[in-house]
Amino acid sequence: MDRNRQEQVIIALKEKGATQPCPRCRNLEFEDIGEALLPLFEPRGSPLWATAPEIPVMLISCTNYGYIAHHARRLLNLKR
């Protein structure tokens, strides 16, 4: 992720009030590790199983031990 994109993510998270420590170890340091698409799966046997939609997310990791949080890109107003 380039520096400009990292700054966009940090600003968006702060604007939404996402400033709490890691829920596992209480560490206050995080890093942007990338962007991903999370597939949404219907229960097995559903006709949508192979064609389920995806949610674009930002991946943020605790710098202490790697806890990863996913944040929906659309709700942070982060266009791609």
PDB file of N, CA and C in Angstrom:
ATOM      1  N   MET A   1       0.857  -1.167   0.000  1.00  0.00           N
ATOM      2  CA  MET A   1       0.000   0.000   0.000  1.00  0.00           C
ATOM      3  C   MET A   1       0.904   1.232   0.000  1.00  0.00           C
ATOM      4  N   ASP A   2       0.650   2.151  -0.903  1.00  0.00           N
ATOM      5  CA  ASP A   2       1.506   3.336  -0.972  1.00  0.00           C
ATOM      6  C   ASP A   2       1.197   4.308   0.166  1.00  0.00           C
ATOM      7  N   ARG A   3       2.101   5.228   0.384  1.00  0.00           N
ATOM      8  CA  ARG A   3       2.018   6.171   1.517  1.00  0.00           C
ATOM      9  C   ARG A   3       0.747   7.014   1.475  1.00  0.00           C
ATOM     10  N   ASN A   4       0.346   7.463   0.301  1.00  0.00           N
ATOM     11  CA  ASN A   4      -0.862   8.275   0.160  1.00  0.00           C
ATOM     12  C   ASN A   4      -2.097   7.484   0.592  1.00  0.00           C
ATOM     13  N   ARG A   5      -2.165   6.216   0.163  1.00  0.00           N
ATOM     14  CA  ARG A   5      -3.306   5.368   0.525  1.00  0.00           C
ATOM     15  C   ARG A   5      -3.307   5.113   2.033  1.00  0.00           C
ATOM     16  N   GLN A   6      -2.152   4.893   2.628  1.00  0.00           N
ATOM     17  CA  GLN A   6      -2.067   4.689   4.071  1.00  0.00           C
ATOM     18  C   GLN A   6      -2.613   5.897   4.829  1.00  0.00           C
ATOM     19  N   GLU A   7      -2.251   7.084   4.368  1.00  0.00           N
ATOM     20  CA  GLU A   7      -2.748   8.306   5.013  1.00  0.00           C
ATOM     21  C   GLU A   7      -4.265   8.417   4.892  1.00  0.00           C
ATOM     22  N   GLN A   8      -4.820   8.058   3.733  1.00  0.00           N
ATOM     23  CA  GLN A   8      -6.273   8.074   3.541  1.00  0.00           C
ATOM     24  C   GLN A   8      -6.957   7.138   4.538  1.00  0.00           C
ATOM     25  N   VAL A   9      -6.381   5.961   4.720  1.00  0.00           N
ATOM     26  CA  VAL A   9      -6.956   4.985   5.642  1.00  0.00           C
ATOM     27  C   VAL A   9      -6.893   5.503   7.076  1.00  0.00           C
ATOM     28  N   ILE A  10      -5.751   6.025   7.485  1.00  0.00           N
ATOM     29  CA  ILE A  10      -5.598   6.548   8.848  1.00  0.00           C
ATOM     30  C   ILE A  10      -6.594   7.671   9.117  1.00  0.00           C
ATOM     31  N   ILE A  11      -6.722   8.595   8.201  1.00  0.00           N
ATOM     32  CA  ILE A  11      -7.660   9.709   8.356  1.00  0.00           C
ATOM     33  C   ILE A  11      -9.087   9.193   8.452  1.00  0.00           C
ATOM     34  N   ALA A  12      -9.460   8.264   7.568  1.00  0.00           N
ATOM     35  CA  ALA A  12     -10.821   7.723   7.565  1.00  0.00           C
ATOM     36  C   ALA A  12     -11.139   7.015   8.884  1.00  0.00           C
ATOM     37  N   LEU A  13     -10.203   6.232   9.396  1.00  0.00           N
ATOM     38  CA  LEU A  13     -10.428   5.533  10.657  1.00  0.00           C
ATOM     39  C   LEU A  13     -10.568   6.511  11.820  1.00  0.00           C
ATOM     40  N   LYS A  14      -9.729   7.526  11.860  1.00  0.00           N
ATOM     41  CA  LYS A  14      -9.809   8.519  12.934  1.00  0.00           C
ATOM     42  C   LYS A  14     -11.112   9.294  12.868  1.00  0.00           C
ATOM     43  N   GLU A  15     -11.559   9.641  11.662  1.00  0.00           N
ATOM     44  CA  GLU A  15     -12.824  10.371  11.505  1.00  0.00           C
ATOM     45  C   GLU A  15     -14.009   9.553  12.019  1.00  0.00           C
ATOM     46  N   LYS A  16     -13.924   8.235  11.907  1.00  0.00           N
ATOM     47  CA  LYS A  16     -14.994   7.355  12.388  1.00  0.00           C
ATOM     48  C   LYS A  16     -14.844   7.009  13.864  1.00  0.00           C
ATOM     49  N   GLY A  17     -13.772   7.481  14.500  1.00  0.00           N
ATOM     50  CA  GLY A  17     -13.568   7.227  15.922  1.00  0.00           C
ATOM     51  C   GLY A  17     -12.903   5.894  16.232  1.00  0.00           C
ATOM     52  N   ALA A  18     -12.255   5.288  15.246  1.00  0.00           N
ATOM     53  CA  ALA A  18     -11.579   4.001  15.454  1.00  0.00           C
ATOM     54  C   ALA A  18     -10.195   4.246  16.034  1.00  0.00           C
ATOM     55  N   THR A  19     -10.160   4.600  17.304  1.00  0.00           N
ATOM     56  CA  THR A  19      -8.897   4.959  17.957  1.00  0.00           C
ATOM     57  C   THR A  19      -8.630   4.120  19.208  1.00  0.00           C
ATOM     58  N   GLN A  20      -9.412   3.072  19.414  1.00  0.00           N
ATOM     59  CA  GLN A  20      -9.249   2.239  20.598  1.00  0.00           C
ATOM     60  C   GLN A  20      -8.059   1.291  20.430  1.00  0.00           C
ATOM     61  N   PRO A  21      -7.508   0.811  21.548  1.00  0.00           N
ATOM     62  CA  PRO A  21      -6.375  -0.123  21.465  1.00  0.00           C
ATOM     63  C   PRO A  21      -6.810  -1.488  20.926  1.00  0.00           C
ATOM     64  N   CYS A  22      -5.844  -2.320  20.636  1.00  0.00           N
ATOM     65  CA  CYS A  22      -6.090  -3.687  20.175  1.00  0.00           C
ATOM     66  C   CYS A  22      -6.986  -4.403  21.190  1.00  0.00           C
ATOM     67  N   PRO A  23      -8.025  -5.100  20.726  1.00  0.00           N
ATOM     68  CA  PRO A  23      -8.917  -5.783  21.667  1.00  0.00           C
ATOM     69  C   PRO A  23      -8.290  -6.989  22.354  1.00  0.00           C
ATOM     70  N   ARG A  24      -7.154  -7.470  21.865  1.00  0.00           N
ATOM     71  CA  ARG A  24      -6.518  -8.644  22.459  1.00  0.00           C
ATOM     72  C   ARG A  24      -5.415  -8.280  23.458  1.00  0.00           C
ATOM     73  N   CYS A  25      -4.541  -7.316  23.082  1.00  0.00           N
ATOM     74  CA  CYS A  25      -3.380  -7.040  23.942  1.00  0.00           C
ATOM     75  C   CYS A  25      -3.309  -5.589  24.427  1.00  0.00           C
ATOM     76  N   ARG A  26      -4.246  -4.759  23.992  1.00  0.00           N
ATOM     77  CA  ARG A  26      -4.329  -3.344  24.394  1.00  0.00           C
ATOM     78  C   ARG A  26      -3.227  -2.482  23.792  1.00  0.00           C
ATOM     79  N   ASN A  27      -2.469  -2.990  22.830  1.00  0.00           N
ATOM     80  CA  ASN A  27      -1.441  -2.221  22.134  1.00  0.00           C
ATOM     81  C   ASN A  27      -2.107  -1.067  21.370  1.00  0.00           C
ATOM     82  N   LEU A  28      -1.453   0.079  21.314  1.00  0.00           N
ATOM     83  CA  LEU A  28      -2.005   1.246  20.615  1.00  0.00           C
ATOM     84  C   LEU A  28      -1.435   1.435  19.211  1.00  0.00           C
ATOM     85  N   GLU A  29      -0.530   0.564  18.798  1.00  0.00           N
ATOM     86  CA  GLU A  29       0.110   0.711  17.485  1.00  0.00           C
ATOM     87  C   GLU A  29      -0.478  -0.279  16.478  1.00  0.00           C
ATOM     88  N   PHE A  30      -0.867   0.249  15.311  1.00  0.00           N
ATOM     89  CA  PHE A  30      -1.410  -0.570  14.235  1.00  0.00           C
ATOM     90  C   PHE A  30      -0.709  -0.198  12.941  1.00  0.00           C
ATOM     91  N   GLU A  31      -0.811  -1.086  11.943  1.00  0.00           N
ATOM     92  CA  GLU A  31      -0.290  -0.758  10.625  1.00  0.00           C
ATOM     93  C   GLU A  31      -1.285  -1.240   9.565  1.00  0.00           C
ATOM     94  N   ASP A  32      -1.323  -0.511   8.471  1.00  0.00           N
ATOM     95  CA  ASP A  32      -2.140  -0.906   7.328  1.00  0.00           C
ATOM     96  C   ASP A  32      -1.375  -2.005   6.605  1.00  0.00           C
ATOM     97  N   ILE A  33      -2.019  -3.138   6.411  1.00  0.00           N
ATOM     98  CA  ILE A  33      -1.302  -4.207   5.731  1.00  0.00           C
ATOM     99  C   ILE A  33      -1.847  -4.493   4.333  1.00  0.00           C
ATOM    100  N   GLY A  34      -2.937  -3.852   3.977  1.00  0.00           N
ATOM    101  CA  GLY A  34      -3.415  -4.028   2.609  1.00  0.00           C
ATOM    102  C   GLY A  34      -4.921  -3.969   2.481  1.00  0.00           C
ATOM    103  N   GLU A  35      -5.357  -4.341   1.305  1.00  0.00           N
ATOM    104  CA  GLU A  35      -6.769  -4.368   0.984  1.00  0.00           C
ATOM    105  C   GLU A  35      -7.111  -5.749   0.472  1.00  0.00           C
ATOM    106  N   ALA A  36      -8.358  -6.166   0.669  1.00  0.00           N
ATOM    107  CA  ALA A  36      -8.760  -7.500   0.238  1.00  0.00           C
ATOM    108  C   ALA A  36     -10.241  -7.499  -0.107  1.00  0.00           C
ATOM    109  N   LEU A  37     -10.663  -8.581  -0.710  1.00  0.00           N
ATOM    110  CA  LEU A  37     -12.079  -8.825  -0.967  1.00  0.00           C
ATOM    111  C   LEU A  37     -12.482 -10.045  -0.153  1.00  0.00           C
ATOM    112  N   LEU A  38     -13.448  -9.865   0.755  1.00  0.00           N
ATOM    113  CA  LEU A  38     -13.939 -10.990   1.550  1.00  0.00           C
ATOM    114  C   LEU A  38     -15.165 -11.567   0.859  1.00  0.00           C
ATOM    115  N   PRO A  39     -15.115 -12.833   0.474  1.00  0.00           N
ATOM    116  CA  PRO A  39     -16.276 -13.432  -0.179  1.00  0.00           C
ATOM    117  C   PRO A  39     -17.395 -13.700   0.827  1.00  0.00           C
ATOM    118  N   LEU A  40     -18.603 -13.518   0.390  1.00  0.00           N
ATOM    119  CA  LEU A  40     -19.773 -13.853   1.198  1.00  0.00           C
ATOM    120  C   LEU A  40     -20.322 -15.169   0.672  1.00  0.00           C
ATOM    121  N   PHE A  41     -20.398 -16.158   1.523  1.00  0.00           N
ATOM    122  CA  PHE A  41     -20.860 -17.473   1.097  1.00  0.00           C
ATOM    123  C   PHE A  41     -22.235 -17.769   1.660  1.00  0.00           C
ATOM    124  N   GLU A  42     -23.073 -18.321   0.831  1.00  0.00           N
ATOM    125  CA  GLU A  42     -24.369 -18.836   1.257  1.00  0.00           C
ATOM    126  C   GLU A  42     -24.127 -20.234   1.821  1.00  0.00           C
ATOM    127  N   PRO A  43     -25.064 -20.759   2.586  1.00  0.00           N
ATOM    128  CA  PRO A  43     -24.885 -22.126   3.091  1.00  0.00           C
ATOM    129  C   PRO A  43     -24.685 -23.110   1.937  1.00  0.00           C
ATOM    130  N   ARG A  44     -23.900 -24.141   2.179  1.00  0.00           N
ATOM    131  CA  ARG A  44     -23.646 -25.156   1.145  1.00  0.00           C
ATOM    132  C   ARG A  44     -24.976 -25.677   0.602  1.00  0.00           C
ATOM    133  N   GLY A  45     -24.977 -25.899  -0.686  1.00  0.00           N
ATOM    134  CA  GLY A  45     -26.194 -26.368  -1.331  1.00  0.00           C
ATOM    135  C   GLY A  45     -27.015 -25.243  -1.929  1.00  0.00           C
ATOM    136  N   SER A  46     -26.710 -24.016  -1.544  1.00  0.00           N
ATOM    137  CA  SER A  46     -27.419 -22.859  -2.090  1.00  0.00           C
ATOM    138  C   SER A  46     -26.974 -22.638  -3.528  1.00  0.00           C
ATOM    139  N   PRO A  47     -27.874 -22.208  -4.405  1.00  0.00           N
ATOM    140  CA  PRO A  47     -27.467 -21.930  -5.786  1.00  0.00           C
ATOM    141  C   PRO A  47     -26.469 -20.772  -5.895  1.00  0.00           C
ATOM    142  N   LEU A  48     -26.321 -19.953  -4.851  1.00  0.00           N
ATOM    143  CA  LEU A  48     -25.396 -18.817  -4.883  1.00  0.00           C
ATOM    144  C   LEU A  48     -23.997 -19.183  -4.419  1.00  0.00           C
ATOM    145  N   TRP A  49     -23.765 -20.440  -4.032  1.00  0.00           N
ATOM    146  CA  TRP A  49     -22.490 -20.836  -3.441  1.00  0.00           C
ATOM    147  C   TRP A  49     -21.287 -20.421  -4.275  1.00  0.00           C
ATOM    148  N   ALA A  50     -21.338 -20.608  -5.576  1.00  0.00           N
ATOM    149  CA  ALA A  50     -20.181 -20.329  -6.429  1.00  0.00           C
ATOM    150  C   ALA A  50     -20.136 -18.886  -6.922  1.00  0.00           C
ATOM    151  N   THR A  51     -21.196 -18.133  -6.743  1.00  0.00           N
ATOM    152  CA  THR A  51     -21.244 -16.775  -7.301  1.00  0.00           C
ATOM    153  C   THR A  51     -21.553 -15.728  -6.238  1.00  0.00           C
ATOM    154  N   ALA A  52     -21.146 -15.977  -5.001  1.00  0.00           N
ATOM    155  CA  ALA A  52     -21.441 -15.055  -3.910  1.00  0.00           C
ATOM    156  C   ALA A  52     -20.711 -13.723  -4.104  1.00  0.00           C
ATOM    157  N   PRO A  53     -21.312 -12.623  -3.644  1.00  0.00           N
ATOM    158  CA  PRO A  53     -20.649 -11.315  -3.740  1.00  0.00           C
ATOM    159  C   PRO A  53     -19.467 -11.203  -2.778  1.00  0.00           C
ATOM    160  N   GLU A  54     -18.726 -10.137  -2.920  1.00  0.00           N
ATOM    161  CA  GLU A  54     -17.554  -9.897  -2.080  1.00  0.00           C
ATOM    162  C   GLU A  54     -17.658  -8.515  -1.434  1.00  0.00           C
ATOM    163  N   ILE A  55     -17.011  -8.364  -0.282  1.00  0.00           N
ATOM    164  CA  ILE A  55     -16.960  -7.079   0.413  1.00  0.00           C
ATOM    165  C   ILE A  55     -15.524  -6.569   0.359  1.00  0.00           C
ATOM    166  N   PRO A  56     -15.287  -5.373  -0.223  1.00  0.00           N
ATOM    167  CA  PRO A  56     -13.940  -4.799  -0.196  1.00  0.00           C
ATOM    168  C   PRO A  56     -13.612  -4.301   1.220  1.00  0.00           C
ATOM    169  N   VAL A  57     -12.462  -4.695   1.749  1.00  0.00           N
ATOM    170  CA  VAL A  57     -12.082  -4.320   3.108  1.00  0.00           C
ATOM    171  C   VAL A  57     -10.643  -3.812   3.167  1.00  0.00           C
ATOM    172  N   MET A  58     -10.369  -3.039   4.196  1.00  0.00           N
ATOM    173  CA  MET A  58      -9.021  -2.615   4.552  1.00  0.00           C
ATOM    174  C   MET A  58      -8.571  -3.547   5.670  1.00  0.00           C
ATOM    175  N   LEU A  59      -7.316  -3.974   5.636  1.00  0.00           N
ATOM    176  CA  LEU A  59      -6.771  -4.850   6.664  1.00  0.00           C
ATOM    177  C   LEU A  59      -5.805  -4.051   7.535  1.00  0.00           C
ATOM    178  N   ILE A  60      -6.076  -4.030   8.831  1.00  0.00           N
ATOM    179  CA  ILE A  60      -5.267  -3.296   9.797  1.00  0.00           C
ATOM    180  C   ILE A  60      -4.752  -4.299  10.817  1.00  0.00           C
ATOM    181  N   SER A  61      -3.445  -4.266  11.107  1.00  0.00           N
ATOM    182  CA  SER A  61      -2.840  -5.255  11.990  1.00  0.00           C
ATOM    183  C   SER A  61      -2.211  -4.604  13.223  1.00  0.00           C
ATOM    184  N   CYS A  62      -2.382  -5.253  14.365  1.00  0.00           N
ATOM    185  CA  CYS A  62      -1.710  -4.850  15.601  1.00  0.00           C
ATOM    186  C   CYS A  62      -0.212  -5.103  15.415  1.00  0.00           C
ATOM    187  N   THR A  63       0.619  -4.123  15.751  1.00  0.00           N
ATOM    188  CA  THR A  63       2.064  -4.280  15.574  1.00  0.00           C
ATOM    189  C   THR A  63       2.699  -5.146  16.665  1.00  0.00           C
ATOM    190  N   ASN A  64       1.963  -5.444  17.731  1.00  0.00           N
ATOM    191  CA  ASN A  64       2.516  -6.256  18.809  1.00  0.00           C
ATOM    192  C   ASN A  64       2.554  -7.732  18.447  1.00  0.00           C
ATOM    193  N   TYR A  65       1.402  -8.266  17.992  1.00  0.00           N
ATOM    194  CA  TYR A  65       1.407  -9.698  17.683  1.00  0.00           C
ATOM    195  C   TYR A  65       0.594 -10.066  16.457  1.00  0.00           C
ATOM    196  N   GLY A  66       0.024  -9.097  15.776  1.00  0.00           N
ATOM    197  CA  GLY A  66      -0.576  -9.364  14.488  1.00  0.00           C
ATOM    198  C   GLY A  66      -2.076  -9.556  14.422  1.00  0.00           C
ATOM    199  N   TYR A  67      -2.793  -9.227  15.471  1.00  0.00           N
ATOM    200  CA  TYR A  67      -4.260  -9.293  15.384  1.00  0.00           C
ATOM    201  C   TYR A  67      -4.695  -8.473  14.172  1.00  0.00           C
ATOM    202  N   ILE A  68      -5.551  -9.031  13.314  1.00  0.00           N
ATOM    203  CA  ILE A  68      -5.979  -8.332  12.108  1.00  0.00           C
ATOM    204  C   ILE A  68      -7.448  -7.950  12.214  1.00  0.00           C
ATOM    205  N   ALA A  69      -7.718  -6.676  11.953  1.00  0.00           N
ATOM    206  CA  ALA A  69      -9.087  -6.174  11.901  1.00  0.00           C
ATOM    207  C   ALA A  69      -9.428  -5.848  10.451  1.00  0.00           C
ATOM    208  N   HIS A  70     -10.661  -6.139  10.073  1.00  0.00           N
ATOM    209  CA  HIS A  70     -11.158  -5.824   8.735  1.00  0.00           C
ATOM    210  C   HIS A  70     -12.100  -4.634   8.857  1.00  0.00           C
ATOM    211  N   HIS A  71     -11.963  -3.676   7.957  1.00  0.00           N
ATOM    212  CA  HIS A  71     -12.847  -2.508   7.940  1.00  0.00           C
ATOM    213  C   HIS A  71     -13.439  -2.374   6.543  1.00  0.00           C
ATOM    214  N   ALA A  72     -14.765  -2.302   6.462  1.00  0.00           N
ATOM    215  CA  ALA A  72     -15.440  -2.178   5.164  1.00  0.00           C
ATOM    216  C   ALA A  72     -15.047  -0.863   4.501  1.00  0.00           C
ATOM    217  N   ARG A  73     -14.461  -0.977   3.319  1.00  0.00           N
ATOM    218  CA  ARG A  73     -13.974   0.198   2.593  1.00  0.00           C
ATOM    219  C   ARG A  73     -15.087   1.193   2.302  1.00  0.00           C
ATOM    220  N   ARG A  74     -16.252   0.709   1.927  1.00  0.00           N
ATOM    221  CA  ARG A  74     -17.366   1.601   1.572  1.00  0.00           C
ATOM    222  C   ARG A  74     -17.787   2.463   2.754  1.00  0.00           C
ATOM    223  N   LEU A  75     -17.830   1.886   3.952  1.00  0.00           N
ATOM    224  CA  LEU A  75     -18.258   2.633   5.129  1.00  0.00           C
ATOM    225  C   LEU A  75     -17.218   3.657   5.574  1.00  0.00           C
ATOM    226  N   LEU A  76     -15.990   3.496   5.127  1.00  0.00           N
ATOM    227  CA  LEU A  76     -14.941   4.477   5.407  1.00  0.00           C
ATOM    228  C   LEU A  76     -14.823   5.499   4.278  1.00  0.00           C
ATOM    229  N   ASN A  77     -15.702   5.381   3.284  1.00  0.00           N
ATOM    230  CA  ASN A  77     -15.680   6.272   2.108  1.00  0.00           C
ATOM    231  C   ASN A  77     -14.341   6.226   1.389  1.00  0.00           C
ATOM    232  N   LEU A  78     -13.760   5.030   1.320  1.00  0.00           N
ATOM    233  CA  LEU A  78     -12.479   4.851   0.622  1.00  0.00           C
ATOM    234  C   LEU A  78     -12.753   4.188  -0.711  1.00  0.00           C
ATOM    235  N   LYS A  79     -12.726   4.968  -1.734  1.00  0.00           N
ATOM    236  CA  LYS A  79     -12.932   4.447  -3.090  1.00  0.00           C
ATOM    237  C   LYS A  79     -11.673   3.768  -3.559  1.00  0.00           C
ATOM    238  N   ARG A  80     -11.778   2.913  -4.502  1.00  0.00           N
ATOM    239  CA  ARG A  80     -10.576   2.270  -5.068  1.00  0.00           C
ATOM    240  C   ARG A  80     -10.275   2.820  -6.398  1.00  0.00           C
TER     241      ARG A  80
END
